[in-house]
Amino acid sequence: MLYDVLAVIFGFLLGFLVTWRFVEVGVKKEGKERVAKVTEFAQIVEKKQEVAEKPSNLEELVKYISTKYMLAEVTLLTPEGLPIVSNSSSVDEDTATAPEMLKIANKLLNSDRIFISSGEIKIVVVQINPQIIMHAKVMRELSKAELEKMKLELNSMLEGMI
């Protein structure tokens, strides 16, 4: 009886140690492979970002921002509703609604940006600086950090052009 109990305990202990060792080796190999894949992917992304040139005119600026932030249509306009540059199919509608949406955002939310999502349509309106508003139809939701980064980048590029 004592031998049976000792055999069972020894069997459990041996099985546990062998399984633990296999899992430990497997996790180490998988971790190294993941790190290698992530590093490789990061290098590819960095190379693609280096290739993207800074725009030299307003049309290129709209294309650059659209591509970088995955925006479907972009319209830059004045607070009075006059279009500066756009790649939108509905420029007149964008320029008419953007200043009003921003006024509502300022009054109700005390914010310089508003994000509206209704079904598949997502619209973001951001005040880039006191003279320029951006109205964009987006393909995905943008985080606050992305909006701030886009706002700063657009502002610095526009200062160099205008």
N, C-alpha and C. Protein backbone atom coordinates (compact mmCIF):
# COMPACT_ATOMS: atom_id res chain seq x y z
N MET A 1 0.81 -1.18 0.00
CA MET A 1 0.00 0.00 0.00
C MET A 1 0.87 1.26 0.00
N LEU A 2 1.91 1.22 0.81
CA LEU A 2 2.81 2.36 0.88
C LEU A 2 3.50 2.56 -0.46
N TYR A 3 3.89 1.47 -1.12
CA TYR A 3 4.54 1.58 -2.43
C TYR A 3 3.59 2.16 -3.47
N ASP A 4 2.35 1.80 -3.38
CA ASP A 4 1.37 2.34 -4.33
C ASP A 4 1.21 3.85 -4.16
N VAL A 5 1.12 4.31 -2.93
CA VAL A 5 0.98 5.75 -2.66
C VAL A 5 2.23 6.48 -3.12
N LEU A 6 3.40 5.95 -2.81
CA LEU A 6 4.65 6.59 -3.24
C LEU A 6 4.77 6.59 -4.76
N ALA A 7 4.35 5.53 -5.41
CA ALA A 7 4.40 5.46 -6.87
C ALA A 7 3.50 6.51 -7.50
N VAL A 8 2.30 6.71 -6.94
CA VAL A 8 1.36 7.71 -7.45
C VAL A 8 1.93 9.11 -7.24
N ILE A 9 2.43 9.40 -6.06
CA ILE A 9 3.00 10.73 -5.78
C ILE A 9 4.20 11.00 -6.69
N PHE A 10 5.08 10.02 -6.82
CA PHE A 10 6.25 10.17 -7.68
C PHE A 10 5.82 10.36 -9.15
N GLY A 11 4.80 9.64 -9.57
CA GLY A 11 4.29 9.78 -10.94
C GLY A 11 3.73 11.17 -11.20
N PHE A 12 2.93 11.68 -10.25
CA PHE A 12 2.40 13.03 -10.39
C PHE A 12 3.53 14.06 -10.43
N LEU A 13 4.49 13.92 -9.56
CA LEU A 13 5.60 14.86 -9.48
C LEU A 13 6.43 14.83 -10.76
N LEU A 14 6.73 13.66 -11.25
CA LEU A 14 7.51 13.52 -12.48
C LEU A 14 6.74 14.07 -13.68
N GLY A 15 5.46 13.76 -13.76
CA GLY A 15 4.63 14.27 -14.85
C GLY A 15 4.52 15.79 -14.82
N PHE A 16 4.36 16.35 -13.63
CA PHE A 16 4.27 17.80 -13.49
C PHE A 16 5.57 18.48 -13.92
N LEU A 17 6.70 17.95 -13.47
CA LEU A 17 8.00 18.56 -13.80
C LEU A 17 8.30 18.49 -15.30
N VAL A 18 7.99 17.36 -15.91
CA VAL A 18 8.23 17.21 -17.35
C VAL A 18 7.33 18.17 -18.14
N THR A 19 6.06 18.24 -17.77
CA THR A 19 5.12 19.16 -18.45
C THR A 19 5.56 20.60 -18.26
N TRP A 20 5.94 20.96 -17.04
CA TRP A 20 6.40 22.32 -16.76
C TRP A 20 7.58 22.70 -17.63
N ARG A 21 8.52 21.79 -17.80
CA ARG A 21 9.71 22.05 -18.60
C ARG A 21 9.34 22.25 -20.08
N PHE A 22 8.46 21.41 -20.61
CA PHE A 22 8.03 21.56 -22.01
C PHE A 22 7.32 22.89 -22.23
N VAL A 23 6.47 23.26 -21.32
CA VAL A 23 5.76 24.54 -21.45
C VAL A 23 6.74 25.70 -21.38
N GLU A 24 7.69 25.66 -20.48
CA GLU A 24 8.69 26.72 -20.32
C GLU A 24 9.51 26.88 -21.59
N VAL A 25 9.95 25.78 -22.19
CA VAL A 25 10.73 25.84 -23.43
C VAL A 25 9.87 26.37 -24.57
N GLY A 26 8.63 25.94 -24.65
CA GLY A 26 7.73 26.41 -25.71
C GLY A 26 7.44 27.89 -25.61
N VAL A 27 7.25 28.40 -24.41
CA VAL A 27 6.97 29.82 -24.22
C VAL A 27 8.18 30.65 -24.61
N LYS A 28 9.38 30.21 -24.26
CA LYS A 28 10.59 30.94 -24.63
C LYS A 28 10.75 31.02 -26.14
N LYS A 29 10.53 29.90 -26.83
CA LYS A 29 10.66 29.89 -28.29
C LYS A 29 9.61 30.81 -28.92
N GLU A 30 8.38 30.73 -28.44
CA GLU A 30 7.30 31.54 -28.99
C GLU A 30 7.56 33.02 -28.73
N GLY A 31 8.07 33.35 -27.57
CA GLY A 31 8.37 34.74 -27.23
C GLY A 31 9.44 35.31 -28.15
N LYS A 32 10.49 34.54 -28.43
CA LYS A 32 11.56 34.99 -29.33
C LYS A 32 11.03 35.20 -30.74
N GLU A 33 10.14 34.30 -31.20
CA GLU A 33 9.57 34.43 -32.54
C GLU A 33 8.69 35.67 -32.63
N ARG A 34 7.91 35.93 -31.60
CA ARG A 34 7.05 37.12 -31.60
C ARG A 34 7.88 38.39 -31.60
N VAL A 35 8.93 38.44 -30.81
CA VAL A 35 9.78 39.63 -30.77
C VAL A 35 10.42 39.85 -32.13
N ALA A 36 10.84 38.78 -32.77
CA ALA A 36 11.45 38.91 -34.10
C ALA A 36 10.43 39.43 -35.11
N LYS A 37 9.20 38.93 -35.06
CA LYS A 37 8.16 39.36 -35.99
C LYS A 37 7.79 40.82 -35.74
N VAL A 38 7.66 41.21 -34.50
CA VAL A 38 7.31 42.60 -34.17
C VAL A 38 8.42 43.54 -34.61
N THR A 39 9.66 43.17 -34.38
CA THR A 39 10.79 43.99 -34.80
C THR A 39 10.82 44.14 -36.31
N GLU A 40 10.59 43.05 -37.02
CA GLU A 40 10.58 43.09 -38.48
C GLU A 40 9.45 43.99 -38.99
N PHE A 41 8.28 43.86 -38.39
CA PHE A 41 7.14 44.68 -38.78
C PHE A 41 7.40 46.16 -38.49
N ALA A 42 7.99 46.46 -37.34
CA ALA A 42 8.29 47.85 -36.98
C ALA A 42 9.29 48.46 -37.96
N GLN A 43 10.26 47.69 -38.40
CA GLN A 43 11.23 48.20 -39.37
C GLN A 43 10.56 48.49 -40.71
N ILE A 44 9.64 47.65 -41.13
CA ILE A 44 8.92 47.88 -42.39
C ILE A 44 8.09 49.15 -42.30
N VAL A 45 7.40 49.34 -41.18
CA VAL A 45 6.57 50.54 -41.00
C VAL A 45 7.43 51.78 -40.98
N GLU A 46 8.57 51.75 -40.30
CA GLU A 46 9.46 52.91 -40.24
C GLU A 46 9.99 53.26 -41.63
N LYS A 47 10.32 52.25 -42.44
CA LYS A 47 10.80 52.52 -43.79
C LYS A 47 9.72 53.19 -44.62
N LYS A 48 8.47 52.72 -44.49
CA LYS A 48 7.37 53.33 -45.25
C LYS A 48 7.14 54.76 -44.80
N GLN A 49 7.27 55.04 -43.51
CA GLN A 49 7.07 56.40 -43.02
C GLN A 49 8.18 57.32 -43.52
N GLU A 50 9.41 56.82 -43.63
CA GLU A 50 10.51 57.64 -44.12
C GLU A 50 10.32 57.98 -45.59
N VAL A 51 9.69 57.09 -46.35
CA VAL A 51 9.50 57.30 -47.78
C VAL A 51 8.52 58.44 -48.04
N ALA A 52 7.52 58.60 -47.18
CA ALA A 52 6.51 59.64 -47.38
C ALA A 52 7.15 61.02 -47.29
N GLU A 53 7.03 61.79 -48.37
CA GLU A 53 7.62 63.12 -48.42
C GLU A 53 6.62 64.13 -47.88
N LYS A 54 7.16 65.21 -47.35
CA LYS A 54 6.31 66.29 -46.89
C LYS A 54 5.73 67.01 -48.10
N PRO A 55 4.47 67.40 -48.02
CA PRO A 55 3.81 68.04 -49.17
C PRO A 55 4.36 69.45 -49.43
N SER A 56 4.31 69.83 -50.71
CA SER A 56 4.83 71.15 -51.10
C SER A 56 3.70 72.12 -51.45
N ASN A 57 2.48 71.63 -51.68
CA ASN A 57 1.36 72.52 -51.95
C ASN A 57 0.11 71.99 -51.24
N LEU A 58 -0.98 72.74 -51.32
CA LEU A 58 -2.18 72.40 -50.56
C LEU A 58 -2.83 71.10 -51.02
N GLU A 59 -2.83 70.84 -52.33
CA GLU A 59 -3.43 69.59 -52.83
C GLU A 59 -2.66 68.38 -52.31
N GLU A 60 -1.33 68.49 -52.32
CA GLU A 60 -0.51 67.39 -51.79
C GLU A 60 -0.71 67.24 -50.29
N LEU A 61 -0.94 68.36 -49.60
CA LEU A 61 -1.18 68.32 -48.17
C LEU A 61 -2.45 67.52 -47.85
N VAL A 62 -3.51 67.76 -48.59
CA VAL A 62 -4.76 67.04 -48.38
C VAL A 62 -4.56 65.55 -48.66
N LYS A 63 -3.85 65.22 -49.71
CA LYS A 63 -3.59 63.82 -50.04
C LYS A 63 -2.72 63.16 -48.95
N TYR A 64 -1.72 63.88 -48.48
CA TYR A 64 -0.82 63.37 -47.44
C TYR A 64 -1.58 63.08 -46.16
N ILE A 65 -2.39 64.03 -45.71
CA ILE A 65 -3.15 63.86 -44.47
C ILE A 65 -4.19 62.75 -44.64
N SER A 66 -4.83 62.69 -45.80
CA SER A 66 -5.83 61.64 -46.05
C SER A 66 -5.20 60.26 -45.96
N THR A 67 -4.04 60.11 -46.54
CA THR A 67 -3.36 58.82 -46.54
C THR A 67 -2.84 58.46 -45.15
N LYS A 68 -2.18 59.41 -44.51
CA LYS A 68 -1.55 59.13 -43.23
C LYS A 68 -2.55 58.79 -42.13
N TYR A 69 -3.67 59.50 -42.08
CA TYR A 69 -4.64 59.29 -41.01
C TYR A 69 -5.89 58.53 -41.46
N MET A 70 -5.87 57.97 -42.65
CA MET A 70 -6.97 57.19 -43.21
C MET A 70 -8.28 57.98 -43.21
N LEU A 71 -8.23 59.15 -43.81
CA LEU A 71 -9.41 59.99 -43.94
C LEU A 71 -9.95 59.83 -45.35
N ALA A 72 -11.26 59.66 -45.49
CA ALA A 72 -11.86 59.44 -46.81
C ALA A 72 -11.90 60.74 -47.61
N GLU A 73 -12.41 61.80 -47.00
CA GLU A 73 -12.52 63.08 -47.67
C GLU A 73 -12.13 64.18 -46.69
N VAL A 74 -11.36 65.15 -47.16
CA VAL A 74 -10.88 66.22 -46.29
C VAL A 74 -11.20 67.56 -46.95
N THR A 75 -11.68 68.50 -46.14
CA THR A 75 -11.92 69.86 -46.60
C THR A 75 -11.31 70.81 -45.58
N LEU A 76 -10.43 71.68 -46.02
CA LEU A 76 -9.90 72.75 -45.18
C LEU A 76 -10.64 74.01 -45.56
N LEU A 77 -11.13 74.74 -44.56
CA LEU A 77 -11.94 75.92 -44.83
C LEU A 77 -11.71 76.99 -43.77
N THR A 78 -12.20 78.17 -44.05
CA THR A 78 -12.12 79.27 -43.10
C THR A 78 -13.31 79.21 -42.15
N PRO A 79 -13.26 79.89 -41.01
CA PRO A 79 -14.40 79.90 -40.10
C PRO A 79 -15.66 80.52 -40.71
N GLU A 80 -15.50 81.31 -41.77
CA GLU A 80 -16.67 81.88 -42.45
C GLU A 80 -17.30 80.89 -43.42
N GLY A 81 -16.66 79.76 -43.67
CA GLY A 81 -17.21 78.75 -44.56
C GLY A 81 -16.67 78.82 -45.98
N LEU A 82 -15.55 79.51 -46.18
CA LEU A 82 -14.94 79.57 -47.51
C LEU A 82 -13.94 78.43 -47.66
N PRO A 83 -14.05 77.64 -48.73
CA PRO A 83 -13.14 76.50 -48.89
C PRO A 83 -11.72 76.96 -49.23
N ILE A 84 -10.74 76.32 -48.64
CA ILE A 84 -9.33 76.57 -48.96
C ILE A 84 -8.86 75.51 -49.94
N VAL A 85 -9.03 74.25 -49.56
CA VAL A 85 -8.67 73.12 -50.42
C VAL A 85 -9.49 71.91 -49.97
N SER A 86 -9.80 71.03 -50.92
CA SER A 86 -10.64 69.88 -50.59
C SER A 86 -10.44 68.75 -51.60
N ASN A 87 -10.66 67.54 -51.14
CA ASN A 87 -10.76 66.39 -52.04
C ASN A 87 -12.12 65.72 -51.88
N SER A 88 -13.06 66.46 -51.31
CA SER A 88 -14.39 65.95 -51.01
C SER A 88 -15.30 66.02 -52.23
N SER A 89 -16.25 65.10 -52.27
CA SER A 89 -17.24 65.11 -53.34
C SER A 89 -18.38 66.09 -53.04
N SER A 90 -18.46 66.54 -51.80
CA SER A 90 -19.52 67.47 -51.39
C SER A 90 -18.92 68.68 -50.67
N VAL A 91 -18.11 69.44 -51.37
CA VAL A 91 -17.40 70.58 -50.78
C VAL A 91 -18.37 71.62 -50.24
N ASP A 92 -19.41 71.95 -51.02
CA ASP A 92 -20.36 72.98 -50.59
C ASP A 92 -21.06 72.59 -49.30
N GLU A 93 -21.48 71.35 -49.20
CA GLU A 93 -22.14 70.87 -47.99
C GLU A 93 -21.18 70.89 -46.81
N ASP A 94 -19.94 70.46 -47.04
CA ASP A 94 -18.93 70.45 -45.97
C ASP A 94 -18.66 71.85 -45.45
N THR A 95 -18.48 72.79 -46.37
CA THR A 95 -18.15 74.16 -45.96
C THR A 95 -19.34 74.85 -45.29
N ALA A 96 -20.55 74.43 -45.61
CA ALA A 96 -21.73 75.02 -44.99
C ALA A 96 -21.96 74.47 -43.58
N THR A 97 -21.70 73.20 -43.37
CA THR A 97 -22.02 72.58 -42.08
C THR A 97 -20.88 72.64 -41.06
N ALA A 98 -19.64 72.61 -41.49
CA ALA A 98 -18.51 72.53 -40.56
C ALA A 98 -18.45 73.69 -39.57
N PRO A 99 -18.56 74.95 -40.00
CA PRO A 99 -18.50 76.04 -39.00
C PRO A 99 -19.65 75.97 -37.98
N GLU A 100 -20.83 75.56 -38.45
CA GLU A 100 -21.96 75.45 -37.53
C GLU A 100 -21.76 74.32 -36.53
N MET A 101 -21.25 73.18 -36.98
CA MET A 101 -20.99 72.07 -36.07
C MET A 101 -19.95 72.47 -35.03
N LEU A 102 -18.94 73.21 -35.46
CA LEU A 102 -17.90 73.64 -34.53
C LEU A 102 -18.44 74.66 -33.52
N LYS A 103 -19.34 75.54 -33.95
CA LYS A 103 -19.97 76.49 -33.02
C LYS A 103 -20.77 75.74 -31.95
N ILE A 104 -21.49 74.71 -32.37
CA ILE A 104 -22.27 73.91 -31.42
C ILE A 104 -21.33 73.19 -30.45
N ALA A 105 -20.23 72.65 -30.97
CA ALA A 105 -19.25 71.97 -30.10
C ALA A 105 -18.66 72.95 -29.10
N ASN A 106 -18.39 74.18 -29.54
CA ASN A 106 -17.84 75.19 -28.63
C ASN A 106 -18.82 75.55 -27.53
N LYS A 107 -20.10 75.73 -27.91
CA LYS A 107 -21.12 76.13 -26.93
C LYS A 107 -21.46 75.00 -25.97
N LEU A 108 -21.75 73.83 -26.50
CA LEU A 108 -22.22 72.73 -25.66
C LEU A 108 -21.10 71.99 -24.94
N LEU A 109 -20.02 71.74 -25.64
CA LEU A 109 -18.96 70.89 -25.10
C LEU A 109 -17.70 71.65 -24.71
N ASN A 110 -17.64 72.94 -25.05
CA ASN A 110 -16.45 73.74 -24.80
C ASN A 110 -15.21 73.06 -25.40
N SER A 111 -15.33 72.66 -26.66
CA SER A 111 -14.28 71.91 -27.35
C SER A 111 -14.02 72.51 -28.72
N ASP A 112 -12.79 72.30 -29.21
CA ASP A 112 -12.44 72.77 -30.55
C ASP A 112 -12.53 71.66 -31.58
N ARG A 113 -13.18 70.55 -31.21
CA ARG A 113 -13.34 69.42 -32.14
C ARG A 113 -14.65 68.73 -31.84
N ILE A 114 -15.19 68.09 -32.88
CA ILE A 114 -16.41 67.29 -32.69
C ILE A 114 -16.31 66.07 -33.61
N PHE A 115 -16.73 64.93 -33.10
CA PHE A 115 -16.72 63.68 -33.85
C PHE A 115 -18.14 63.16 -33.88
N ILE A 116 -18.68 62.98 -35.08
CA ILE A 116 -20.06 62.52 -35.24
C ILE A 116 -20.02 61.18 -35.97
N SER A 117 -20.73 60.20 -35.41
CA SER A 117 -20.78 58.88 -36.01
C SER A 117 -22.23 58.46 -36.12
N SER A 118 -22.64 58.09 -37.33
CA SER A 118 -24.00 57.64 -37.56
C SER A 118 -23.94 56.51 -38.57
N GLY A 119 -24.05 55.30 -38.09
CA GLY A 119 -23.96 54.15 -38.98
C GLY A 119 -22.56 54.03 -39.55
N GLU A 120 -22.47 54.02 -40.86
CA GLU A 120 -21.18 53.89 -41.50
C GLU A 120 -20.51 55.24 -41.75
N ILE A 121 -21.23 56.33 -41.56
CA ILE A 121 -20.68 57.66 -41.81
C ILE A 121 -20.10 58.21 -40.51
N LYS A 122 -18.84 58.63 -40.58
CA LYS A 122 -18.17 59.24 -39.45
C LYS A 122 -17.56 60.56 -39.93
N ILE A 123 -17.85 61.63 -39.19
CA ILE A 123 -17.37 62.95 -39.56
C ILE A 123 -16.63 63.55 -38.38
N VAL A 124 -15.50 64.17 -38.65
CA VAL A 124 -14.76 64.88 -37.62
C VAL A 124 -14.53 66.31 -38.10
N VAL A 125 -14.79 67.27 -37.20
CA VAL A 125 -14.55 68.68 -37.49
C VAL A 125 -13.60 69.18 -36.41
N VAL A 126 -12.47 69.75 -36.84
CA VAL A 126 -11.44 70.19 -35.91
C VAL A 126 -11.01 71.61 -36.28
N GLN A 127 -10.86 72.45 -35.27
CA GLN A 127 -10.32 73.79 -35.51
C GLN A 127 -8.81 73.67 -35.43
N ILE A 128 -8.14 73.78 -36.59
CA ILE A 128 -6.69 73.64 -36.67
C ILE A 128 -6.02 74.85 -36.01
N ASN A 129 -6.45 76.04 -36.37
CA ASN A 129 -6.02 77.29 -35.75
C ASN A 129 -7.17 78.27 -35.92
N PRO A 130 -7.07 79.49 -35.41
CA PRO A 130 -8.23 80.39 -35.50
C PRO A 130 -8.68 80.71 -36.92
N GLN A 131 -7.82 80.52 -37.92
CA GLN A 131 -8.18 80.85 -39.29
C GLN A 131 -8.58 79.63 -40.13
N ILE A 132 -8.36 78.42 -39.64
CA ILE A 132 -8.58 77.21 -40.46
C ILE A 132 -9.34 76.15 -39.68
N ILE A 133 -10.35 75.57 -40.35
CA ILE A 133 -11.14 74.45 -39.83
C ILE A 133 -10.96 73.27 -40.79
N MET A 134 -10.89 72.07 -40.23
CA MET A 134 -10.82 70.87 -41.06
C MET A 134 -12.10 70.07 -40.87
N HIS A 135 -12.73 69.72 -41.97
CA HIS A 135 -13.91 68.84 -41.99
C HIS A 135 -13.47 67.58 -42.71
N ALA A 136 -13.62 66.42 -42.07
CA ALA A 136 -13.16 65.18 -42.70
C ALA A 136 -14.17 64.07 -42.47
N LYS A 137 -14.36 63.27 -43.51
CA LYS A 137 -15.12 62.03 -43.39
C LYS A 137 -14.08 60.94 -43.18
N VAL A 138 -14.23 60.21 -42.10
CA VAL A 138 -13.20 59.25 -41.71
C VAL A 138 -13.69 57.82 -41.86
N MET A 139 -12.73 56.90 -41.99
CA MET A 139 -13.04 55.49 -42.14
C MET A 139 -13.04 54.75 -40.82
N ARG A 140 -12.49 55.40 -39.78
CA ARG A 140 -12.39 54.77 -38.47
C ARG A 140 -12.44 55.86 -37.41
N GLU A 141 -12.63 55.47 -36.17
CA GLU A 141 -12.65 56.46 -35.10
C GLU A 141 -11.21 56.87 -34.79
N LEU A 142 -11.02 58.16 -34.60
CA LEU A 142 -9.71 58.69 -34.28
C LEU A 142 -9.63 59.00 -32.80
N SER A 143 -8.53 58.66 -32.19
CA SER A 143 -8.35 58.95 -30.76
C SER A 143 -8.04 60.43 -30.56
N LYS A 144 -8.16 60.85 -29.34
CA LYS A 144 -7.85 62.25 -29.01
C LYS A 144 -6.38 62.55 -29.31
N ALA A 145 -5.50 61.61 -29.03
CA ALA A 145 -4.08 61.79 -29.30
C ALA A 145 -3.82 61.93 -30.80
N GLU A 146 -4.50 61.11 -31.61
CA GLU A 146 -4.34 61.21 -33.07
C GLU A 146 -4.84 62.55 -33.59
N LEU A 147 -5.97 63.01 -33.05
CA LEU A 147 -6.50 64.31 -33.48
C LEU A 147 -5.55 65.44 -33.12
N GLU A 148 -4.97 65.38 -31.93
CA GLU A 148 -4.01 66.43 -31.53
C GLU A 148 -2.76 66.39 -32.41
N LYS A 149 -2.27 65.19 -32.67
CA LYS A 149 -1.09 65.04 -33.52
C LYS A 149 -1.38 65.57 -34.93
N MET A 150 -2.54 65.22 -35.47
CA MET A 150 -2.93 65.69 -36.80
C MET A 150 -3.07 67.21 -36.81
N LYS A 151 -3.65 67.74 -35.77
CA LYS A 151 -3.85 69.19 -35.67
C LYS A 151 -2.50 69.91 -35.65
N LEU A 152 -1.57 69.44 -34.85
CA LEU A 152 -0.24 70.06 -34.78
C LEU A 152 0.51 69.93 -36.10
N GLU A 153 0.44 68.75 -36.70
CA GLU A 153 1.12 68.52 -37.97
C GLU A 153 0.55 69.41 -39.08
N LEU A 154 -0.76 69.48 -39.16
CA LEU A 154 -1.40 70.33 -40.16
C LEU A 154 -1.03 71.80 -39.94
N ASN A 155 -1.07 72.22 -38.69
CA ASN A 155 -0.76 73.61 -38.38
C ASN A 155 0.67 73.96 -38.79
N SER A 156 1.62 73.08 -38.49
CA SER A 156 3.02 73.37 -38.84
C SER A 156 3.23 73.34 -40.34
N MET A 157 2.58 72.44 -41.05
CA MET A 157 2.71 72.39 -42.51
C MET A 157 2.07 73.60 -43.17
N LEU A 158 0.92 74.01 -42.65
CA LEU A 158 0.24 75.17 -43.22
C LEU A 158 1.03 76.46 -42.99
N GLU A 159 1.71 76.57 -41.85
CA GLU A 159 2.54 77.75 -41.61
C GLU A 159 3.65 77.87 -42.63
N GLY A 160 4.19 76.73 -43.06
CA GLY A 160 5.24 76.75 -44.07
C GLY A 160 4.72 77.08 -45.46
N MET A 161 3.44 76.83 -45.72
CA MET A 161 2.89 77.04 -47.06
C MET A 161 2.23 78.40 -47.23
N ILE A 162 1.60 78.87 -46.17
CA ILE A 162 0.83 80.10 -46.30
C ILE A 162 1.64 81.29 -45.81
